[in-house]
PDB file of N, CA and C in Angstrom:
ATOM      1  N   MET A   1      40.950  70.899   5.405  1.00  0.00           N
ATOM      2  CA  MET A   1      41.855  70.306   6.372  1.00  0.00           C
ATOM      3  C   MET A   1      41.739  68.778   6.374  1.00  0.00           C
ATOM      4  N   LEU A   2      40.588  68.245   6.305  1.00  0.00           N
ATOM      5  CA  LEU A   2      40.341  66.839   6.274  1.00  0.00           C
ATOM      6  C   LEU A   2      40.951  66.166   5.015  1.00  0.00           C
ATOM      7  N   ALA A   3      40.958  66.958   3.896  1.00  0.00           N
ATOM      8  CA  ALA A   3      41.539  66.403   2.689  1.00  0.00           C
ATOM      9  C   ALA A   3      42.966  66.021   2.854  1.00  0.00           C
ATOM     10  N   GLY A   4      43.770  66.713   3.687  1.00  0.00           N
ATOM     11  CA  GLY A   4      45.149  66.393   3.933  1.00  0.00           C
ATOM     12  C   GLY A   4      45.315  65.068   4.653  1.00  0.00           C
ATOM     13  N   TYR A   5      44.421  64.792   5.555  1.00  0.00           N
ATOM     14  CA  TYR A   5      44.418  63.543   6.325  1.00  0.00           C
ATOM     15  C   TYR A   5      44.097  62.387   5.450  1.00  0.00           C
ATOM     16  N   VAL A   6      43.231  62.591   4.464  1.00  0.00           N
ATOM     17  CA  VAL A   6      42.735  61.500   3.583  1.00  0.00           C
ATOM     18  C   VAL A   6      43.719  61.315   2.478  1.00  0.00           C
ATOM     19  N   ARG A   7      44.307  62.315   1.974  1.00  0.00           N
ATOM     20  CA  ARG A   7      45.168  62.255   0.817  1.00  0.00           C
ATOM     21  C   ARG A   7      46.391  61.381   1.059  1.00  0.00           C
ATOM     22  N   LEU A   8      47.046  61.530   2.162  1.00  0.00           N
ATOM     23  CA  LEU A   8      48.278  60.767   2.476  1.00  0.00           C
ATOM     24  C   LEU A   8      48.018  59.252   2.536  1.00  0.00           C
ATOM     25  N   PRO A   9      47.034  58.706   3.278  1.00  0.00           N
ATOM     26  CA  PRO A   9      46.791  57.228   3.316  1.00  0.00           C
ATOM     27  C   PRO A   9      46.442  56.787   1.875  1.00  0.00           C
ATOM     28  N   LEU A  10      45.623  57.554   1.131  1.00  0.00           N
ATOM     29  CA  LEU A  10      45.261  57.118  -0.265  1.00  0.00           C
ATOM     30  C   LEU A  10      46.439  57.066  -1.142  1.00  0.00           C
ATOM     31  N   THR A  11      47.374  58.021  -0.976  1.00  0.00           N
ATOM     32  CA  THR A  11      48.578  58.031  -1.819  1.00  0.00           C
ATOM     33  C   THR A  11      49.512  56.848  -1.457  1.00  0.00           C
ATOM     34  N   LEU A  12      49.643  56.563  -0.138  1.00  0.00           N
ATOM     35  CA  LEU A  12      50.436  55.433   0.267  1.00  0.00           C
ATOM     36  C   LEU A  12      49.833  54.114  -0.261  1.00  0.00           C
ATOM     37  N   LEU A  13      48.561  53.965  -0.152  1.00  0.00           N
ATOM     38  CA  LEU A  13      47.872  52.781  -0.657  1.00  0.00           C
ATOM     39  C   LEU A  13      48.061  52.644  -2.159  1.00  0.00           C
ATOM     40  N   LYS A  14      47.778  53.680  -2.851  1.00  0.00           N
ATOM     41  CA  LYS A  14      47.922  53.614  -4.327  1.00  0.00           C
ATOM     42  C   LYS A  14      49.403  53.264  -4.728  1.00  0.00           C
ATOM     43  N   ASP A  15      50.398  53.878  -4.103  1.00  0.00           N
ATOM     44  CA  ASP A  15      51.801  53.600  -4.396  1.00  0.00           C
ATOM     45  C   ASP A  15      52.025  52.035  -4.120  1.00  0.00           C
ATOM     46  N   TRP A  16      51.549  51.583  -3.009  1.00  0.00           N
ATOM     47  CA  TRP A  16      51.785  50.153  -2.619  1.00  0.00           C
ATOM     48  C   TRP A  16      51.108  49.223  -3.703  1.00  0.00           C
ATOM     49  N   LEU A  17      49.853  49.570  -4.058  1.00  0.00           N
ATOM     50  CA  LEU A  17      49.195  48.767  -5.066  1.00  0.00           C
ATOM     51  C   LEU A  17      49.959  48.728  -6.402  1.00  0.00           C
ATOM     52  N   LEU A  18      50.452  49.824  -6.879  1.00  0.00           N
ATOM     53  CA  LEU A  18      51.143  49.886  -8.102  1.00  0.00           C
ATOM     54  C   LEU A  18      52.499  49.164  -8.041  1.00  0.00           C
ATOM     55  N   LYS A  19      53.159  49.174  -6.921  1.00  0.00           N
ATOM     56  CA  LYS A  19      54.415  48.477  -6.783  1.00  0.00           C
ATOM     57  C   LYS A  19      54.184  46.959  -6.669  1.00  0.00           C
ATOM     58  N   ASN A  20      53.014  46.489  -6.239  1.00  0.00           N
ATOM     59  CA  ASN A  20      52.843  45.057  -5.891  1.00  0.00           C
ATOM     60  C   ASN A  20      51.738  44.480  -6.866  1.00  0.00           C
ATOM     61  N   MET A  21      51.521  45.054  -8.038  1.00  0.00           N
ATOM     62  CA  MET A  21      50.416  44.608  -8.932  1.00  0.00           C
ATOM     63  C   MET A  21      50.599  43.155  -9.328  1.00  0.00           C
ATOM     64  N   ASP A  22      51.886  42.730  -9.602  1.00  0.00           N
ATOM     65  CA  ASP A  22      52.068  41.344 -10.043  1.00  0.00           C
ATOM     66  C   ASP A  22      51.624  40.376  -8.921  1.00  0.00           C
ATOM     67  N   GLU A  23      51.980  40.637  -7.649  1.00  0.00           N
ATOM     68  CA  GLU A  23      51.654  39.813  -6.583  1.00  0.00           C
ATOM     69  C   GLU A  23      50.107  39.811  -6.380  1.00  0.00           C
ATOM     70  N   ILE A  24      49.436  41.014  -6.476  1.00  0.00           N
ATOM     71  CA  ILE A  24      48.067  41.064  -6.352  1.00  0.00           C
ATOM     72  C   ILE A  24      47.329  40.211  -7.425  1.00  0.00           C
ATOM     73  N   LYS A  25      47.763  40.386  -8.665  1.00  0.00           N
ATOM     74  CA  LYS A  25      47.103  39.521  -9.729  1.00  0.00           C
ATOM     75  C   LYS A  25      47.278  38.077  -9.480  1.00  0.00           C
ATOM     76  N   ARG A  26      48.449  37.622  -9.016  1.00  0.00           N
ATOM     77  CA  ARG A  26      48.713  36.211  -8.739  1.00  0.00           C
ATOM     78  C   ARG A  26      47.843  35.706  -7.562  1.00  0.00           C
ATOM     79  N   PHE A  27      47.747  36.562  -6.580  1.00  0.00           N
ATOM     80  CA  PHE A  27      47.055  36.181  -5.391  1.00  0.00           C
ATOM     81  C   PHE A  27      45.549  35.954  -5.525  1.00  0.00           C
ATOM     82  N   VAL A  28      44.956  36.741  -6.301  1.00  0.00           N
ATOM     83  CA  VAL A  28      43.443  36.762  -6.416  1.00  0.00           C
ATOM     84  C   VAL A  28      42.986  36.117  -7.721  1.00  0.00           C
ATOM     85  N   ASN A  29      43.805  35.360  -8.441  1.00  0.00           N
ATOM     86  CA  ASN A  29      43.412  34.844  -9.743  1.00  0.00           C
ATOM     87  C   ASN A  29      43.046  33.403  -9.643  1.00  0.00           C
ATOM     88  N   PHE A  30      41.917  33.076  -9.096  1.00  0.00           N
ATOM     89  CA  PHE A  30      41.356  31.653  -9.037  1.00  0.00           C
ATOM     90  C   PHE A  30      39.887  31.768  -8.972  1.00  0.00           C
ATOM     91  N   SER A  31      39.203  30.679  -9.495  1.00  0.00           N
ATOM     92  CA  SER A  31      37.768  30.613  -9.393  1.00  0.00           C
ATOM     93  C   SER A  31      37.299  30.277  -7.993  1.00  0.00           C
ATOM     94  N   SER A  32      36.144  30.682  -7.563  1.00  0.00           N
ATOM     95  CA  SER A  32      35.660  30.507  -6.292  1.00  0.00           C
ATOM     96  C   SER A  32      34.138  30.248  -6.289  1.00  0.00           C
ATOM     97  N   LEU A  33      33.621  29.633  -5.285  1.00  0.00           N
ATOM     98  CA  LEU A  33      32.206  29.491  -5.181  1.00  0.00           C
ATOM     99  C   LEU A  33      31.676  30.531  -4.205  1.00  0.00           C
ATOM    100  N   TYR A  34      30.435  30.772  -4.255  1.00  0.00           N
ATOM    101  CA  TYR A  34      29.813  31.856  -3.427  1.00  0.00           C
ATOM    102  C   TYR A  34      28.634  31.314  -2.664  1.00  0.00           C
ATOM    103  N   SER A  35      28.323  31.776  -1.532  1.00  0.00           N
ATOM    104  CA  SER A  35      27.134  31.316  -0.789  1.00  0.00           C
ATOM    105  C   SER A  35      26.423  32.470  -0.262  1.00  0.00           C
ATOM    106  N   GLY A  36      25.139  32.269  -0.005  1.00  0.00           N
ATOM    107  CA  GLY A  36      24.303  33.380   0.602  1.00  0.00           C
ATOM    108  C   GLY A  36      23.011  32.831   1.113  1.00  0.00           C
ATOM    109  N   LEU A  37      22.371  33.594   1.908  1.00  0.00           N
ATOM    110  CA  LEU A  37      21.086  33.245   2.448  1.00  0.00           C
ATOM    111  C   LEU A  37      20.054  33.916   1.580  1.00  0.00           C
ATOM    112  N   MET A  38      19.176  33.136   0.908  1.00  0.00           N
ATOM    113  CA  MET A  38      18.241  33.598  -0.135  1.00  0.00           C
ATOM    114  C   MET A  38      16.844  33.162   0.253  1.00  0.00           C
ATOM    115  N   ASP A  39      15.903  34.054  -0.041  1.00  0.00           N
ATOM    116  CA  ASP A  39      14.409  33.645   0.104  1.00  0.00           C
ATOM    117  C   ASP A  39      13.918  32.929  -1.093  1.00  0.00           C
ATOM    118  N   LYS A  40      12.647  32.631  -1.106  1.00  0.00           N
ATOM    119  CA  LYS A  40      12.114  31.826  -2.228  1.00  0.00           C
ATOM    120  C   LYS A  40      12.095  32.537  -3.508  1.00  0.00           C
ATOM    121  N   ASP A  41      12.275  33.886  -3.489  1.00  0.00           N
ATOM    122  CA  ASP A  41      12.310  34.696  -4.751  1.00  0.00           C
ATOM    123  C   ASP A  41      13.761  34.927  -5.213  1.00  0.00           C
ATOM    124  N   GLY A  42      14.736  34.366  -4.500  1.00  0.00           N
ATOM    125  CA  GLY A  42      16.123  34.542  -4.871  1.00  0.00           C
ATOM    126  C   GLY A  42      16.740  35.833  -4.365  1.00  0.00           C
ATOM    127  N   CYS A  43      16.046  36.469  -3.372  1.00  0.00           N
ATOM    128  CA  CYS A  43      16.630  37.730  -2.856  1.00  0.00           C
ATOM    129  C   CYS A  43      17.318  37.459  -1.500  1.00  0.00           C
ATOM    130  N   SER A  44      18.379  38.260  -1.193  1.00  0.00           N
ATOM    131  CA  SER A  44      19.110  38.139  -0.036  1.00  0.00           C
ATOM    132  C   SER A  44      18.202  38.419   1.116  1.00  0.00           C
ATOM    133  N   ASN A  45      18.267  37.554   2.183  1.00  0.00           N
ATOM    134  CA  ASN A  45      17.381  37.706   3.353  1.00  0.00           C
ATOM    135  C   ASN A  45      18.033  36.992   4.497  1.00  0.00           C
ATOM    136  N   MET A  46      17.574  37.280   5.679  1.00  0.00           N
ATOM    137  CA  MET A  46      18.113  36.596   6.910  1.00  0.00           C
ATOM    138  C   MET A  46      17.141  35.742   7.562  1.00  0.00           C
ATOM    139  N   TYR A  47      15.853  35.729   7.201  1.00  0.00           N
ATOM    140  CA  TYR A  47      14.832  35.001   7.906  1.00  0.00           C
ATOM    141  C   TYR A  47      14.119  34.045   6.923  1.00  0.00           C
ATOM    142  N   ASN A  48      13.805  32.846   7.392  1.00  0.00           N
ATOM    143  CA  ASN A  48      13.030  31.882   6.580  1.00  0.00           C
ATOM    144  C   ASN A  48      13.614  31.739   5.219  1.00  0.00           C
ATOM    145  N   VAL A  49      14.869  31.351   5.170  1.00  0.00           N
ATOM    146  CA  VAL A  49      15.676  31.346   3.905  1.00  0.00           C
ATOM    147  C   VAL A  49      16.331  29.956   3.736  1.00  0.00           C
ATOM    148  N   LYS A  50      16.927  29.843   2.551  1.00  0.00           N
ATOM    149  CA  LYS A  50      17.754  28.660   2.212  1.00  0.00           C
ATOM    150  C   LYS A  50      19.143  29.201   1.989  1.00  0.00           C
ATOM    151  N   LEU A  51      20.113  28.283   2.315  1.00  0.00           N
ATOM    152  CA  LEU A  51      21.529  28.568   2.007  1.00  0.00           C
ATOM    153  C   LEU A  51      21.756  28.107   0.571  1.00  0.00           C
ATOM    154  N   ARG A  52      22.228  29.045  -0.250  1.00  0.00           N
ATOM    155  CA  ARG A  52      22.385  28.831  -1.725  1.00  0.00           C
ATOM    156  C   ARG A  52      23.923  28.924  -2.024  1.00  0.00           C
ATOM    157  N   ILE A  53      24.381  27.877  -2.732  1.00  0.00           N
ATOM    158  CA  ILE A  53      25.753  27.831  -3.191  1.00  0.00           C
ATOM    159  C   ILE A  53      25.733  28.074  -4.688  1.00  0.00           C
ATOM    160  N   MET A  54      26.533  29.063  -5.152  1.00  0.00           N
ATOM    161  CA  MET A  54      26.588  29.427  -6.540  1.00  0.00           C
ATOM    162  C   MET A  54      28.036  29.258  -7.064  1.00  0.00           C
ATOM    163  N   GLY A  55      28.175  28.778  -8.321  1.00  0.00           N
ATOM    164  CA  GLY A  55      29.413  28.587  -8.950  1.00  0.00           C
ATOM    165  C   GLY A  55      29.979  29.961  -9.427  1.00  0.00           C
ATOM    166  N   SER A  56      31.220  29.854  -9.890  1.00  0.00           N
ATOM    167  CA  SER A  56      31.886  31.090 -10.373  1.00  0.00           C
ATOM    168  C   SER A  56      31.244  31.717 -11.671  1.00  0.00           C
ATOM    169  N   ASN A  57      30.462  30.843 -12.291  1.00  0.00           N
ATOM    170  CA  ASN A  57      29.707  31.324 -13.525  1.00  0.00           C
ATOM    171  C   ASN A  57      28.233  31.614 -13.212  1.00  0.00           C
ATOM    172  N   ARG A  58      27.947  31.747 -11.940  1.00  0.00           N
ATOM    173  CA  ARG A  58      26.587  32.079 -11.436  1.00  0.00           C
ATOM    174  C   ARG A  58      25.609  30.918 -11.626  1.00  0.00           C
ATOM    175  N   GLU A  59      26.051  29.699 -11.769  1.00  0.00           N
ATOM    176  CA  GLU A  59      25.167  28.568 -11.832  1.00  0.00           C
ATOM    177  C   GLU A  59      24.842  28.133 -10.429  1.00  0.00           C
ATOM    178  N   LEU A  60      23.637  27.702 -10.182  1.00  0.00           N
ATOM    179  CA  LEU A  60      23.235  27.193  -8.922  1.00  0.00           C
ATOM    180  C   LEU A  60      23.762  25.752  -8.708  1.00  0.00           C
ATOM    181  N   LEU A  61      24.618  25.610  -7.702  1.00  0.00           N
ATOM    182  CA  LEU A  61      25.154  24.257  -7.444  1.00  0.00           C
ATOM    183  C   LEU A  61      24.438  23.513  -6.352  1.00  0.00           C
ATOM    184  N   ALA A  62      23.926  24.169  -5.338  1.00  0.00           N
ATOM    185  CA  ALA A  62      23.284  23.508  -4.239  1.00  0.00           C
ATOM    186  C   ALA A  62      22.413  24.521  -3.506  1.00  0.00           C
ATOM    187  N   GLU A  63      21.327  24.007  -2.837  1.00  0.00           N
ATOM    188  CA  GLU A  63      20.449  24.775  -2.089  1.00  0.00           C
ATOM    189  C   GLU A  63      20.048  23.954  -0.838  1.00  0.00           C
ATOM    190  N   PHE A  64      20.139  24.465   0.350  1.00  0.00           N
ATOM    191  CA  PHE A  64      19.827  23.747   1.538  1.00  0.00           C
ATOM    192  C   PHE A  64      18.795  24.435   2.334  1.00  0.00           C
ATOM    193  N   ASP A  65      17.848  23.667   2.874  1.00  0.00           N
ATOM    194  CA  ASP A  65      16.873  24.282   3.845  1.00  0.00           C
ATOM    195  C   ASP A  65      17.588  24.388   5.138  1.00  0.00           C
ATOM    196  N   ARG A  66      16.943  25.176   6.014  1.00  0.00           N
ATOM    197  CA  ARG A  66      17.578  25.414   7.346  1.00  0.00           C
ATOM    198  C   ARG A  66      17.727  24.151   8.104  1.00  0.00           C
ATOM    199  N   SER A  67      16.845  23.137   7.877  1.00  0.00           N
ATOM    200  CA  SER A  67      16.959  21.909   8.646  1.00  0.00           C
ATOM    201  C   SER A  67      18.021  20.951   8.100  1.00  0.00           C
ATOM    202  N   ALA A  68      18.607  21.233   6.913  1.00  0.00           N
ATOM    203  CA  ALA A  68      19.579  20.371   6.302  1.00  0.00           C
ATOM    204  C   ALA A  68      20.876  20.394   7.114  1.00  0.00           C
ATOM    205  N   ASP A  69      21.545  19.323   7.151  1.00  0.00           N
ATOM    206  CA  ASP A  69      22.867  19.261   7.852  1.00  0.00           C
ATOM    207  C   ASP A  69      23.973  19.628   6.830  1.00  0.00           C
ATOM    208  N   TYR A  70      23.982  20.917   6.368  1.00  0.00           N
ATOM    209  CA  TYR A  70      24.836  21.334   5.298  1.00  0.00           C
ATOM    210  C   TYR A  70      26.350  21.396   5.782  1.00  0.00           C
ATOM    211  N   LEU A  71      26.512  21.450   7.038  1.00  0.00           N
ATOM    212  CA  LEU A  71      27.912  21.482   7.551  1.00  0.00           C
ATOM    213  C   LEU A  71      28.640  20.183   7.251  1.00  0.00           C
ATOM    214  N   GLU A  72      27.913  19.107   6.965  1.00  0.00           N
ATOM    215  CA  GLU A  72      28.559  17.795   6.571  1.00  0.00           C
ATOM    216  C   GLU A  72      29.056  17.898   5.106  1.00  0.00           C
ATOM    217  N   LEU A  73      28.572  18.844   4.355  1.00  0.00           N
ATOM    218  CA  LEU A  73      28.923  18.967   2.938  1.00  0.00           C
ATOM    219  C   LEU A  73      29.864  20.121   2.574  1.00  0.00           C
ATOM    220  N   ILE A  74      29.935  21.034   3.501  1.00  0.00           N
ATOM    221  CA  ILE A  74      30.721  22.270   3.189  1.00  0.00           C
ATOM    222  C   ILE A  74      32.070  22.202   3.908  1.00  0.00           C
ATOM    223  N   GLY A  75      33.129  22.585   3.261  1.00  0.00           N
ATOM    224  CA  GLY A  75      34.453  22.622   3.891  1.00  0.00           C
ATOM    225  C   GLY A  75      35.350  23.655   3.264  1.00  0.00           C
ATOM    226  N   GLU A  76      36.548  23.756   3.690  1.00  0.00           N
ATOM    227  CA  GLU A  76      37.513  24.728   3.203  1.00  0.00           C
ATOM    228  C   GLU A  76      38.544  23.989   2.242  1.00  0.00           C
ATOM    229  N   HIS A  77      39.062  24.756   1.333  1.00  0.00           N
ATOM    230  CA  HIS A  77      40.137  24.210   0.454  1.00  0.00           C
ATOM    231  C   HIS A  77      41.130  25.332   0.281  1.00  0.00           C
ATOM    232  N   VAL A  78      42.366  24.927   0.359  1.00  0.00           N
ATOM    233  CA  VAL A  78      43.467  25.949   0.157  1.00  0.00           C
ATOM    234  C   VAL A  78      44.137  25.687  -1.159  1.00  0.00           C
ATOM    235  N   GLU A  79      44.285  26.747  -1.919  1.00  0.00           N
ATOM    236  CA  GLU A  79      44.953  26.708  -3.225  1.00  0.00           C
ATOM    237  C   GLU A  79      46.483  26.868  -2.981  1.00  0.00           C
ATOM    238  N   PRO A  80      47.316  26.149  -3.750  1.00  0.00           N
ATOM    239  CA  PRO A  80      48.738  26.342  -3.526  1.00  0.00           C
ATOM    240  C   PRO A  80      49.188  27.613  -4.142  1.00  0.00           C
TER     241      PRO A  80
END
C-alpha cells in the first residue's frame, strides 16, 4: 500500500527532471568553494575546530581559527 503513495511523487519528480534537464544543467554548472568545520586531523567536527575553505579542486584556500574575524573576509557572490 505504501508503494502506491511513494510511486506517484517519484514518477512526477522523474518526469519533471527529464522535461527540464537543459535548465538543470545550466543552473548548476559553475565552480564553487566549500567550507566546513574541521579538527586538527582534517575531520569534520563541531568543537575546538577551524573553519576551512576549500576550492573546487579540493585545494586548501584558507583556514581560520575560532578567534579570527573571518566574517570580514567571507561574502556572497551571485553568478549571472
